[in-house]
Structure formats: C-alpha cells, structure tokens
PDB file of N, CA and C in Angstrom:
ATOM      1  N   MET A   1      -1.970 186.507 -20.037  1.00  0.00           N
ATOM      2  CA  MET A   1      -2.342 185.119 -19.807  1.00  0.00           C
ATOM      3  C   MET A   1      -2.051 184.746 -18.370  1.00  0.00           C
ATOM      4  N   SER A   2      -2.902 183.925 -17.849  1.00  0.00           N
ATOM      5  CA  SER A   2      -2.696 183.477 -16.471  1.00  0.00           C
ATOM      6  C   SER A   2      -2.008 182.119 -16.478  1.00  0.00           C
ATOM      7  N   ASP A   3      -1.564 181.687 -15.283  1.00  0.00           N
ATOM      8  CA  ASP A   3      -0.921 180.374 -15.162  1.00  0.00           C
ATOM      9  C   ASP A   3      -1.878 179.247 -15.542  1.00  0.00           C
ATOM     10  N   ALA A   4      -3.151 179.480 -15.383  1.00  0.00           N
ATOM     11  CA  ALA A   4      -4.147 178.445 -15.673  1.00  0.00           C
ATOM     12  C   ALA A   4      -4.140 178.063 -17.146  1.00  0.00           C
ATOM     13  N   ASP A   5      -3.748 178.965 -18.022  1.00  0.00           N
ATOM     14  CA  ASP A   5      -3.739 178.688 -19.460  1.00  0.00           C
ATOM     15  C   ASP A   5      -2.648 177.701 -19.864  1.00  0.00           C
ATOM     16  N   PHE A   6      -1.620 177.546 -19.011  1.00  0.00           N
ATOM     17  CA  PHE A   6      -0.495 176.679 -19.352  1.00  0.00           C
ATOM     18  C   PHE A   6      -0.519 175.314 -18.665  1.00  0.00           C
ATOM     19  N   ARG A   7      -1.520 175.071 -17.851  1.00  0.00           N
ATOM     20  CA  ARG A   7      -1.602 173.765 -17.186  1.00  0.00           C
ATOM     21  C   ARG A   7      -2.094 172.717 -18.164  1.00  0.00           C
ATOM     22  N   PRO A   8      -1.512 171.502 -18.090  1.00  0.00           N
ATOM     23  CA  PRO A   8      -2.003 170.449 -18.984  1.00  0.00           C
ATOM     24  C   PRO A   8      -3.435 170.070 -18.618  1.00  0.00           C
ATOM     25  N   ARG A   9      -4.186 169.819 -19.630  1.00  0.00           N
ATOM     26  CA  ARG A   9      -5.579 169.432 -19.388  1.00  0.00           C
ATOM     27  C   ARG A   9      -5.633 167.920 -19.249  1.00  0.00           C
ATOM     28  N   THR A  10      -6.368 167.465 -18.265  1.00  0.00           N
ATOM     29  CA  THR A  10      -6.531 166.021 -18.081  1.00  0.00           C
ATOM     30  C   THR A  10      -7.968 165.662 -18.412  1.00  0.00           C
ATOM     31  N   LYS A  11      -8.087 164.525 -19.006  1.00  0.00           N
ATOM     32  CA  LYS A  11      -9.402 164.042 -19.397  1.00  0.00           C
ATOM     33  C   LYS A  11      -9.763 162.869 -18.501  1.00  0.00           C
ATOM     34  N   THR A  12     -10.933 162.892 -17.945  1.00  0.00           N
ATOM     35  CA  THR A  12     -11.382 161.795 -17.111  1.00  0.00           C
ATOM     36  C   THR A  12     -12.181 160.844 -17.986  1.00  0.00           C
ATOM     37  N   GLU A  13     -11.716 159.605 -18.046  1.00  0.00           N
ATOM     38  CA  GLU A  13     -12.447 158.601 -18.817  1.00  0.00           C
ATOM     39  C   GLU A  13     -13.271 157.747 -17.881  1.00  0.00           C
ATOM     40  N   ILE A  14     -14.504 157.542 -18.254  1.00  0.00           N
ATOM     41  CA  ILE A  14     -15.382 156.689 -17.463  1.00  0.00           C
ATOM     42  C   ILE A  14     -15.401 155.333 -18.136  1.00  0.00           C
ATOM     43  N   LYS A  15     -14.968 154.338 -17.400  1.00  0.00           N
ATOM     44  CA  LYS A  15     -14.959 152.984 -17.963  1.00  0.00           C
ATOM     45  C   LYS A  15     -16.241 152.279 -17.549  1.00  0.00           C
ATOM     46  N   THR A  16     -16.972 151.853 -18.550  1.00  0.00           N
ATOM     47  CA  THR A  16     -18.186 151.101 -18.248  1.00  0.00           C
ATOM     48  C   THR A  16     -17.888 149.628 -18.456  1.00  0.00           C
ATOM     49  N   GLN A  17     -18.365 148.834 -17.524  1.00  0.00           N
ATOM     50  CA  GLN A  17     -18.166 147.394 -17.644  1.00  0.00           C
ATOM     51  C   GLN A  17     -19.177 146.833 -18.616  1.00  0.00           C
ATOM     52  N   ARG A  18     -18.706 145.917 -19.442  1.00  0.00           N
ATOM     53  CA  ARG A  18     -19.625 145.250 -20.354  1.00  0.00           C
ATOM     54  C   ARG A  18     -20.537 144.344 -19.535  1.00  0.00           C
ATOM     55  N   PRO A  19     -21.800 144.257 -19.946  1.00  0.00           N
ATOM     56  CA  PRO A  19     -22.692 143.369 -19.198  1.00  0.00           C
ATOM     57  C   PRO A  19     -22.235 141.923 -19.343  1.00  0.00           C
ATOM     58  N   ARG A  20     -22.452 141.158 -18.289  1.00  0.00           N
ATOM     59  CA  ARG A  20     -22.084 139.745 -18.328  1.00  0.00           C
ATOM     60  C   ARG A  20     -22.931 139.009 -19.344  1.00  0.00           C
ATOM     61  N   LEU A  21     -22.295 138.171 -20.109  1.00  0.00           N
ATOM     62  CA  LEU A  21     -23.033 137.398 -21.104  1.00  0.00           C
ATOM     63  C   LEU A  21     -23.615 136.141 -20.480  1.00  0.00           C
ATOM     64  N   HIS A  22     -24.705 135.675 -21.056  1.00  0.00           N
ATOM     65  CA  HIS A  22     -25.373 134.472 -20.560  1.00  0.00           C
ATOM     66  C   HIS A  22     -25.487 133.442 -21.678  1.00  0.00           C
ATOM     67  N   LYS A  23     -25.271 132.193 -21.305  1.00  0.00           N
ATOM     68  CA  LYS A  23     -25.373 131.088 -22.256  1.00  0.00           C
ATOM     69  C   LYS A  23     -26.813 130.597 -22.298  1.00  0.00           C
ATOM     70  N   VAL A  24     -27.289 130.292 -23.482  1.00  0.00           N
ATOM     71  CA  VAL A  24     -28.574 129.603 -23.636  1.00  0.00           C
ATOM     72  C   VAL A  24     -28.215 128.133 -23.799  1.00  0.00           C
ATOM     73  N   ILE A  25     -28.812 127.294 -22.959  1.00  0.00           N
ATOM     74  CA  ILE A  25     -28.477 125.871 -22.929  1.00  0.00           C
ATOM     75  C   ILE A  25     -29.688 125.025 -23.308  1.00  0.00           C
ATOM     76  N   LEU A  26     -29.471 124.110 -24.234  1.00  0.00           N
ATOM     77  CA  LEU A  26     -30.497 123.145 -24.633  1.00  0.00           C
ATOM     78  C   LEU A  26     -30.330 121.907 -23.766  1.00  0.00           C
ATOM     79  N   VAL A  27     -31.408 121.517 -23.080  1.00  0.00           N
ATOM     80  CA  VAL A  27     -31.384 120.337 -22.216  1.00  0.00           C
ATOM     81  C   VAL A  27     -32.069 119.186 -22.960  1.00  0.00           C
ATOM     82  N   ASN A  28     -31.376 118.073 -23.083  1.00  0.00           N
ATOM     83  CA  ASN A  28     -31.919 116.919 -23.803  1.00  0.00           C
ATOM     84  C   ASN A  28     -33.067 116.266 -23.027  1.00  0.00           C
ATOM     85  N   ASP A  29     -34.023 115.750 -23.762  1.00  0.00           N
ATOM     86  CA  ASP A  29     -35.060 114.907 -23.170  1.00  0.00           C
ATOM     87  C   ASP A  29     -35.305 113.752 -24.136  1.00  0.00           C
ATOM     88  N   ASP A  30     -35.969 112.711 -23.666  1.00  0.00           N
ATOM     89  CA  ASP A  30     -36.172 111.519 -24.487  1.00  0.00           C
ATOM     90  C   ASP A  30     -37.509 111.513 -25.231  1.00  0.00           C
ATOM     91  N   TYR A  31     -38.208 112.644 -25.245  1.00  0.00           N
ATOM     92  CA  TYR A  31     -39.552 112.672 -25.814  1.00  0.00           C
ATOM     93  C   TYR A  31     -39.706 113.583 -27.022  1.00  0.00           C
ATOM     94  N   THR A  32     -38.987 114.698 -27.044  1.00  0.00           N
ATOM     95  CA  THR A  32     -39.134 115.657 -28.141  1.00  0.00           C
ATOM     96  C   THR A  32     -38.449 115.118 -29.398  1.00  0.00           C
ATOM     97  N   PRO A  33     -39.174 115.046 -30.521  1.00  0.00           N
ATOM     98  CA  PRO A  33     -38.555 114.542 -31.760  1.00  0.00           C
ATOM     99  C   PRO A  33     -37.384 115.419 -32.216  1.00  0.00           C
ATOM    100  N   ARG A  34     -36.368 114.778 -32.741  1.00  0.00           N
ATOM    101  CA  ARG A  34     -35.176 115.489 -33.208  1.00  0.00           C
ATOM    102  C   ARG A  34     -35.523 116.566 -34.227  1.00  0.00           C
ATOM    103  N   GLU A  35     -36.437 116.240 -35.145  1.00  0.00           N
ATOM    104  CA  GLU A  35     -36.822 117.192 -36.191  1.00  0.00           C
ATOM    105  C   GLU A  35     -37.428 118.457 -35.582  1.00  0.00           C
ATOM    106  N   PHE A  36     -38.199 118.285 -34.499  1.00  0.00           N
ATOM    107  CA  PHE A  36     -38.813 119.448 -33.852  1.00  0.00           C
ATOM    108  C   PHE A  36     -37.743 120.315 -33.198  1.00  0.00           C
ATOM    109  N   VAL A  37     -36.762 119.685 -32.547  1.00  0.00           N
ATOM    110  CA  VAL A  37     -35.670 120.428 -31.907  1.00  0.00           C
ATOM    111  C   VAL A  37     -34.927 121.247 -32.963  1.00  0.00           C
ATOM    112  N   VAL A  38     -34.626 120.630 -34.087  1.00  0.00           N
ATOM    113  CA  VAL A  38     -33.936 121.320 -35.183  1.00  0.00           C
ATOM    114  C   VAL A  38     -34.781 122.502 -35.671  1.00  0.00           C
ATOM    115  N   MET A  39     -36.085 122.310 -35.809  1.00  0.00           N
ATOM    116  CA  MET A  39     -36.978 123.375 -36.262  1.00  0.00           C
ATOM    117  C   MET A  39     -36.964 124.557 -35.281  1.00  0.00           C
ATOM    118  N   VAL A  40     -36.996 124.271 -33.982  1.00  0.00           N
ATOM    119  CA  VAL A  40     -36.968 125.336 -32.962  1.00  0.00           C
ATOM    120  C   VAL A  40     -35.635 126.099 -33.020  1.00  0.00           C
ATOM    121  N   LEU A  41     -34.540 125.376 -33.141  1.00  0.00           N
ATOM    122  CA  LEU A  41     -33.223 126.020 -33.212  1.00  0.00           C
ATOM    123  C   LEU A  41     -33.116 126.928 -34.440  1.00  0.00           C
ATOM    124  N   LYS A  42     -33.657 126.476 -35.554  1.00  0.00           N
ATOM    125  CA  LYS A  42     -33.629 127.282 -36.778  1.00  0.00           C
ATOM    126  C   LYS A  42     -34.519 128.519 -36.628  1.00  0.00           C
ATOM    127  N   ALA A  43     -35.693 128.337 -36.034  1.00  0.00           N
ATOM    128  CA  ALA A  43     -36.658 129.435 -35.916  1.00  0.00           C
ATOM    129  C   ALA A  43     -36.209 130.488 -34.901  1.00  0.00           C
ATOM    130  N   GLU A  44     -35.817 130.070 -33.718  1.00  0.00           N
ATOM    131  CA  GLU A  44     -35.522 131.018 -32.644  1.00  0.00           C
ATOM    132  C   GLU A  44     -34.078 131.520 -32.658  1.00  0.00           C
ATOM    133  N   PHE A  45     -33.152 130.666 -33.080  1.00  0.00           N
ATOM    134  CA  PHE A  45     -31.737 131.046 -33.007  1.00  0.00           C
ATOM    135  C   PHE A  45     -31.115 131.277 -34.386  1.00  0.00           C
ATOM    136  N   ARG A  46     -31.956 131.279 -35.413  1.00  0.00           N
ATOM    137  CA  ARG A  46     -31.544 131.571 -36.782  1.00  0.00           C
ATOM    138  C   ARG A  46     -30.358 130.726 -37.253  1.00  0.00           C
ATOM    139  N   MET A  47     -30.401 129.448 -36.917  1.00  0.00           N
ATOM    140  CA  MET A  47     -29.355 128.526 -37.355  1.00  0.00           C
ATOM    141  C   MET A  47     -29.750 127.927 -38.701  1.00  0.00           C
ATOM    142  N   ASN A  48     -28.743 127.499 -39.451  1.00  0.00           N
ATOM    143  CA  ASN A  48     -29.072 126.760 -40.664  1.00  0.00           C
ATOM    144  C   ASN A  48     -29.278 125.296 -40.276  1.00  0.00           C
ATOM    145  N   GLU A  49     -29.685 124.491 -41.226  1.00  0.00           N
ATOM    146  CA  GLU A  49     -30.023 123.084 -40.961  1.00  0.00           C
ATOM    147  C   GLU A  49     -28.871 122.324 -40.298  1.00  0.00           C
ATOM    148  N   SER A  50     -27.662 122.445 -40.846  1.00  0.00           N
ATOM    149  CA  SER A  50     -26.538 121.656 -40.311  1.00  0.00           C
ATOM    150  C   SER A  50     -26.106 122.138 -38.925  1.00  0.00           C
ATOM    151  N   GLN A  51     -26.134 123.449 -38.692  1.00  0.00           N
ATOM    152  CA  GLN A  51     -25.802 123.963 -37.352  1.00  0.00           C
ATOM    153  C   GLN A  51     -26.808 123.442 -36.331  1.00  0.00           C
ATOM    154  N   ALA A  52     -28.082 123.553 -36.654  1.00  0.00           N
ATOM    155  CA  ALA A  52     -29.144 123.118 -35.740  1.00  0.00           C
ATOM    156  C   ALA A  52     -29.041 121.620 -35.463  1.00  0.00           C
ATOM    157  N   TYR A  53     -28.742 120.851 -36.481  1.00  0.00           N
ATOM    158  CA  TYR A  53     -28.622 119.403 -36.308  1.00  0.00           C
ATOM    159  C   TYR A  53     -27.450 119.065 -35.384  1.00  0.00           C
ATOM    160  N   ARG A  54     -26.311 119.747 -35.564  1.00  0.00           N
ATOM    161  CA  ARG A  54     -25.137 119.501 -34.704  1.00  0.00           C
ATOM    162  C   ARG A  54     -25.424 119.841 -33.242  1.00  0.00           C
ATOM    163  N   VAL A  55     -26.101 120.959 -33.008  1.00  0.00           N
ATOM    164  CA  VAL A  55     -26.448 121.352 -31.636  1.00  0.00           C
ATOM    165  C   VAL A  55     -27.389 120.319 -31.019  1.00  0.00           C
ATOM    166  N   MET A  56     -28.411 119.907 -31.775  1.00  0.00           N
ATOM    167  CA  MET A  56     -29.367 118.909 -31.282  1.00  0.00           C
ATOM    168  C   MET A  56     -28.650 117.602 -30.951  1.00  0.00           C
ATOM    169  N   LEU A  57     -27.760 117.161 -31.831  1.00  0.00           N
ATOM    170  CA  LEU A  57     -27.049 115.909 -31.632  1.00  0.00           C
ATOM    171  C   LEU A  57     -26.116 115.979 -30.423  1.00  0.00           C
ATOM    172  N   THR A  58     -25.437 117.103 -30.249  1.00  0.00           N
ATOM    173  CA  THR A  58     -24.554 117.291 -29.085  1.00  0.00           C
ATOM    174  C   THR A  58     -25.361 117.206 -27.794  1.00  0.00           C
ATOM    175  N   ALA A  59     -26.514 117.874 -27.753  1.00  0.00           N
ATOM    176  CA  ALA A  59     -27.373 117.812 -26.568  1.00  0.00           C
ATOM    177  C   ALA A  59     -27.847 116.382 -26.335  1.00  0.00           C
ATOM    178  N   HIS A  60     -28.173 115.692 -27.401  1.00  0.00           N
ATOM    179  CA  HIS A  60     -28.651 114.313 -27.298  1.00  0.00           C
ATOM    180  C   HIS A  60     -27.558 113.401 -26.717  1.00  0.00           C
ATOM    181  N   GLN A  61     -26.326 113.593 -27.156  1.00  0.00           N
ATOM    182  CA  GLN A  61     -25.219 112.735 -26.713  1.00  0.00           C
ATOM    183  C   GLN A  61     -24.683 113.109 -25.330  1.00  0.00           C
ATOM    184  N   ARG A  62     -24.648 114.401 -25.031  1.00  0.00           N
ATOM    185  CA  ARG A  62     -24.039 114.854 -23.763  1.00  0.00           C
ATOM    186  C   ARG A  62     -25.041 115.252 -22.688  1.00  0.00           C
ATOM    187  N   GLY A  63     -26.305 115.359 -23.060  1.00  0.00           N
ATOM    188  CA  GLY A  63     -27.327 115.748 -22.079  1.00  0.00           C
ATOM    189  C   GLY A  63     -27.661 117.225 -22.148  1.00  0.00           C
ATOM    190  N   VAL A  64     -26.678 118.061 -22.475  1.00  0.00           N
ATOM    191  CA  VAL A  64     -26.892 119.505 -22.629  1.00  0.00           C
ATOM    192  C   VAL A  64     -25.962 120.022 -23.721  1.00  0.00           C
ATOM    193  N   CYS A  65     -26.311 121.196 -24.257  1.00  0.00           N
ATOM    194  CA  CYS A  65     -25.438 121.836 -25.248  1.00  0.00           C
ATOM    195  C   CYS A  65     -25.668 123.345 -25.190  1.00  0.00           C
ATOM    196  N   VAL A  66     -24.584 124.105 -25.209  1.00  0.00           N
ATOM    197  CA  VAL A  66     -24.711 125.559 -25.281  1.00  0.00           C
ATOM    198  C   VAL A  66     -25.139 125.904 -26.706  1.00  0.00           C
ATOM    199  N   VAL A  67     -26.247 126.617 -26.805  1.00  0.00           N
ATOM    200  CA  VAL A  67     -26.802 126.981 -28.100  1.00  0.00           C
ATOM    201  C   VAL A  67     -26.172 128.271 -28.611  1.00  0.00           C
ATOM    202  N   ALA A  68     -26.111 129.281 -27.738  1.00  0.00           N
ATOM    203  CA  ALA A  68     -25.586 130.598 -28.117  1.00  0.00           C
ATOM    204  C   ALA A  68     -25.320 131.400 -26.852  1.00  0.00           C
ATOM    205  N   VAL A  69     -24.665 132.537 -27.018  1.00  0.00           N
ATOM    206  CA  VAL A  69     -24.348 133.419 -25.892  1.00  0.00           C
ATOM    207  C   VAL A  69     -24.836 134.826 -26.236  1.00  0.00           C
ATOM    208  N   PHE A  70     -25.577 135.426 -25.296  1.00  0.00           N
ATOM    209  CA  PHE A  70     -26.172 136.745 -25.506  1.00  0.00           C
ATOM    210  C   PHE A  70     -26.086 137.559 -24.225  1.00  0.00           C
ATOM    211  N   ALA A  71     -26.476 138.831 -24.321  1.00  0.00           N
ATOM    212  CA  ALA A  71     -26.710 139.639 -23.122  1.00  0.00           C
ATOM    213  C   ALA A  71     -27.847 138.950 -22.359  1.00  0.00           C
ATOM    214  N   ARG A  72     -27.885 139.143 -21.054  1.00  0.00           N
ATOM    215  CA  ARG A  72     -28.819 138.404 -20.197  1.00  0.00           C
ATOM    216  C   ARG A  72     -30.279 138.455 -20.657  1.00  0.00           C
ATOM    217  N   ASP A  73     -30.787 139.659 -20.929  1.00  0.00           N
ATOM    218  CA  ASP A  73     -32.209 139.773 -21.284  1.00  0.00           C
ATOM    219  C   ASP A  73     -32.526 139.083 -22.610  1.00  0.00           C
ATOM    220  N   ILE A  74     -31.612 139.146 -23.557  1.00  0.00           N
ATOM    221  CA  ILE A  74     -31.833 138.473 -24.842  1.00  0.00           C
ATOM    222  C   ILE A  74     -31.793 136.954 -24.650  1.00  0.00           C
ATOM    223  N   ALA A  75     -30.814 136.486 -23.880  1.00  0.00           N
ATOM    224  CA  ALA A  75     -30.695 135.038 -23.619  1.00  0.00           C
ATOM    225  C   ALA A  75     -31.962 134.509 -22.956  1.00  0.00           C
ATOM    226  N   GLU A  76     -32.443 135.221 -21.934  1.00  0.00           N
ATOM    227  CA  GLU A  76     -33.636 134.761 -21.216  1.00  0.00           C
ATOM    228  C   GLU A  76     -34.871 134.779 -22.116  1.00  0.00           C
ATOM    229  N   THR A  77     -34.990 135.803 -22.940  1.00  0.00           N
ATOM    230  CA  THR A  77     -36.134 135.899 -23.854  1.00  0.00           C
ATOM    231  C   THR A  77     -36.124 134.756 -24.858  1.00  0.00           C
ATOM    232  N   LYS A  78     -34.965 134.498 -25.461  1.00  0.00           N
ATOM    233  CA  LYS A  78     -34.870 133.427 -26.459  1.00  0.00           C
ATOM    234  C   LYS A  78     -35.120 132.057 -25.832  1.00  0.00           C
ATOM    235  N   ALA A  79     -34.556 131.818 -24.641  1.00  0.00           N
ATOM    236  CA  ALA A  79     -34.763 130.533 -23.963  1.00  0.00           C
ATOM    237  C   ALA A  79     -36.248 130.333 -23.638  1.00  0.00           C
ATOM    238  N   THR A  80     -36.890 131.384 -23.153  1.00  0.00           N
ATOM    239  CA  THR A  80     -38.315 131.307 -22.810  1.00  0.00           C
ATOM    240  C   THR A  80     -39.160 131.063 -24.056  1.00  0.00           C
ATOM    241  N   ARG A  81     -38.884 131.799 -25.114  1.00  0.00           N
ATOM    242  CA  ARG A  81     -39.666 131.639 -26.347  1.00  0.00           C
ATOM    243  C   ARG A  81     -39.495 130.250 -26.943  1.00  0.00           C
ATOM    244  N   ALA A  82     -38.268 129.733 -26.938  1.00  0.00           N
ATOM    245  CA  ALA A  82     -38.014 128.401 -27.497  1.00  0.00           C
ATOM    246  C   ALA A  82     -38.713 127.325 -26.664  1.00  0.00           C
ATOM    247  N   THR A  83     -38.652 127.459 -25.336  1.00  0.00           N
ATOM    248  CA  THR A  83     -39.313 126.497 -24.446  1.00  0.00           C
ATOM    249  C   THR A  83     -40.832 126.558 -24.638  1.00  0.00           C
ATOM    250  N   GLU A  84     -41.372 127.772 -24.745  1.00  0.00           N
ATOM    251  CA  GLU A  84     -42.821 127.920 -24.935  1.00  0.00           C
ATOM    252  C   GLU A  84     -43.278 127.378 -26.288  1.00  0.00           C
ATOM    253  N   MET A  85     -42.411 127.490 -27.303  1.00  0.00           N
ATOM    254  CA  MET A  85     -42.729 126.931 -28.621  1.00  0.00           C
ATOM    255  C   MET A  85     -42.945 125.420 -28.493  1.00  0.00           C
ATOM    256  N   ALA A  86     -42.070 124.770 -27.719  1.00  0.00           N
ATOM    257  CA  ALA A  86     -42.182 123.323 -27.509  1.00  0.00           C
ATOM    258  C   ALA A  86     -43.416 122.985 -26.673  1.00  0.00           C
ATOM    259  N   ARG A  87     -43.650 123.751 -25.610  1.00  0.00           N
ATOM    260  CA  ARG A  87     -44.801 123.490 -24.734  1.00  0.00           C
ATOM    261  C   ARG A  87     -46.107 123.609 -25.509  1.00  0.00           C
ATOM    262  N   SER A  88     -46.164 124.564 -26.433  1.00  0.00           N
ATOM    263  CA  SER A  88     -47.400 124.761 -27.200  1.00  0.00           C
ATOM    264  C   SER A  88     -47.709 123.544 -28.085  1.00  0.00           C
ATOM    265  N   GLN A  89     -46.682 122.735 -28.360  1.00  0.00           N
ATOM    266  CA  GLN A  89     -46.868 121.517 -29.158  1.00  0.00           C
ATOM    267  C   GLN A  89     -46.900 120.269 -28.276  1.00  0.00           C
ATOM    268  N   GLY A  90     -46.843 120.469 -26.943  1.00  0.00           N
ATOM    269  CA  GLY A  90     -46.932 119.348 -26.010  1.00  0.00           C
ATOM    270  C   GLY A  90     -45.616 118.640 -25.732  1.00  0.00           C
ATOM    271  N   TYR A  91     -44.491 119.273 -26.065  1.00  0.00           N
ATOM    272  CA  TYR A  91     -43.177 118.656 -25.830  1.00  0.00           C
ATOM    273  C   TYR A  91     -42.507 119.237 -24.590  1.00  0.00           C
ATOM    274  N   PRO A  92     -41.722 118.399 -23.882  1.00  0.00           N
ATOM    275  CA  PRO A  92     -41.046 118.870 -22.660  1.00  0.00           C
ATOM    276  C   PRO A  92     -39.680 119.530 -22.919  1.00  0.00           C
ATOM    277  N   LEU A  93     -39.377 119.860 -24.163  1.00  0.00           N
ATOM    278  CA  LEU A  93     -38.097 120.475 -24.511  1.00  0.00           C
ATOM    279  C   LEU A  93     -37.824 121.691 -23.626  1.00  0.00           C
ATOM    280  N   LEU A  94     -36.586 121.787 -23.128  1.00  0.00           N
ATOM    281  CA  LEU A  94     -36.246 122.862 -22.195  1.00  0.00           C
ATOM    282  C   LEU A  94     -34.974 123.582 -22.609  1.00  0.00           C
ATOM    283  N   PHE A  95     -35.047 124.908 -22.577  1.00  0.00           N
ATOM    284  CA  PHE A  95     -33.884 125.771 -22.765  1.00  0.00           C
ATOM    285  C   PHE A  95     -33.708 126.565 -21.473  1.00  0.00           C
ATOM    286  N   THR A  96     -32.488 126.627 -20.964  1.00  0.00           N
ATOM    287  CA  THR A  96     -32.203 127.387 -19.743  1.00  0.00           C
ATOM    288  C   THR A  96     -31.103 128.405 -20.055  1.00  0.00           C
ATOM    289  N   THR A  97     -30.813 129.270 -19.084  1.00  0.00           N
ATOM    290  CA  THR A  97     -29.707 130.219 -19.238  1.00  0.00           C
ATOM    291  C   THR A  97     -28.842 130.175 -17.987  1.00  0.00           C
ATOM    292  N   GLU A  98     -27.590 130.532 -18.166  1.00  0.00           N
ATOM    293  CA  GLU A  98     -26.695 130.676 -17.017  1.00  0.00           C
ATOM    294  C   GLU A  98     -25.597 131.664 -17.416  1.00  0.00           C
ATOM    295  N   PRO A  99     -25.034 132.370 -16.417  1.00  0.00           N
ATOM    296  CA  PRO A  99     -23.982 133.345 -16.727  1.00  0.00           C
ATOM    297  C   PRO A  99     -22.752 132.646 -17.276  1.00  0.00           C
ATOM    298  N   GLU A 100     -22.098 133.321 -18.195  1.00  0.00           N
ATOM    299  CA  GLU A 100     -20.848 132.787 -18.737  1.00  0.00           C
ATOM    300  C   GLU A 100     -19.738 133.087 -17.740  1.00  0.00           C
ATOM    301  N   GLU A 101     -18.790 132.154 -17.586  1.00  0.00           N
ATOM    302  CA  GLU A 101     -17.717 132.358 -16.602  1.00  0.00           C
ATOM    303  C   GLU A 101     -16.836 133.506 -17.010  1.00  0.00           C
TER     304      GLU A 101
END
C-alpha cells in the first residue's frame, strides 16, 4: 500500500444559491368590480373564496396587496396572465412583481 491510500478523502460541496423569490402584487383601482378581482385571484392563484376576498379587500383598503411569492419566472407569468385576463374584459386591474427583500 502506498501513502496515498491512508490520506483522508475530502469532498468538495458545491453550494448553489436559491433563486431570489418575487412577490406578485395586486394594485387597487376604482373601476374593476370586486367580484371580478376575486374571480381572477381564484382562477390564476388557486385561492378559495375567502382567501381571494381577503386579498381583494386588503388591496382595496391599502392600495396594494401581496398576492403570493414565487420564483421570478412563475411570478411574472402569473402577474401577466392575471392582468391580461382583466384587460380582455376591459378592466384596468393590474398585477406587478418585485423581488422579495
């Protein structure tokens, strides 16, 4: 046996950073009916009736509300789809995204 057989083996671990998460934000407006906002939240973000209503009401009272947090591409896709759903019905409802701190 050589000396090489008795040396401790070291393992190199590669640490990958988790991708930064992004918040999907519902922006309140004075034109989109509450029922429509709730319907969009249920359809795109898979919320139940009471969750969707609470999010809509929070946005209505505070001007904005964080809807959910996802990886960047998922957040952007969901925000775009939800906004386009409203635009297709003639509503100015807006969903945006921003990085989570």
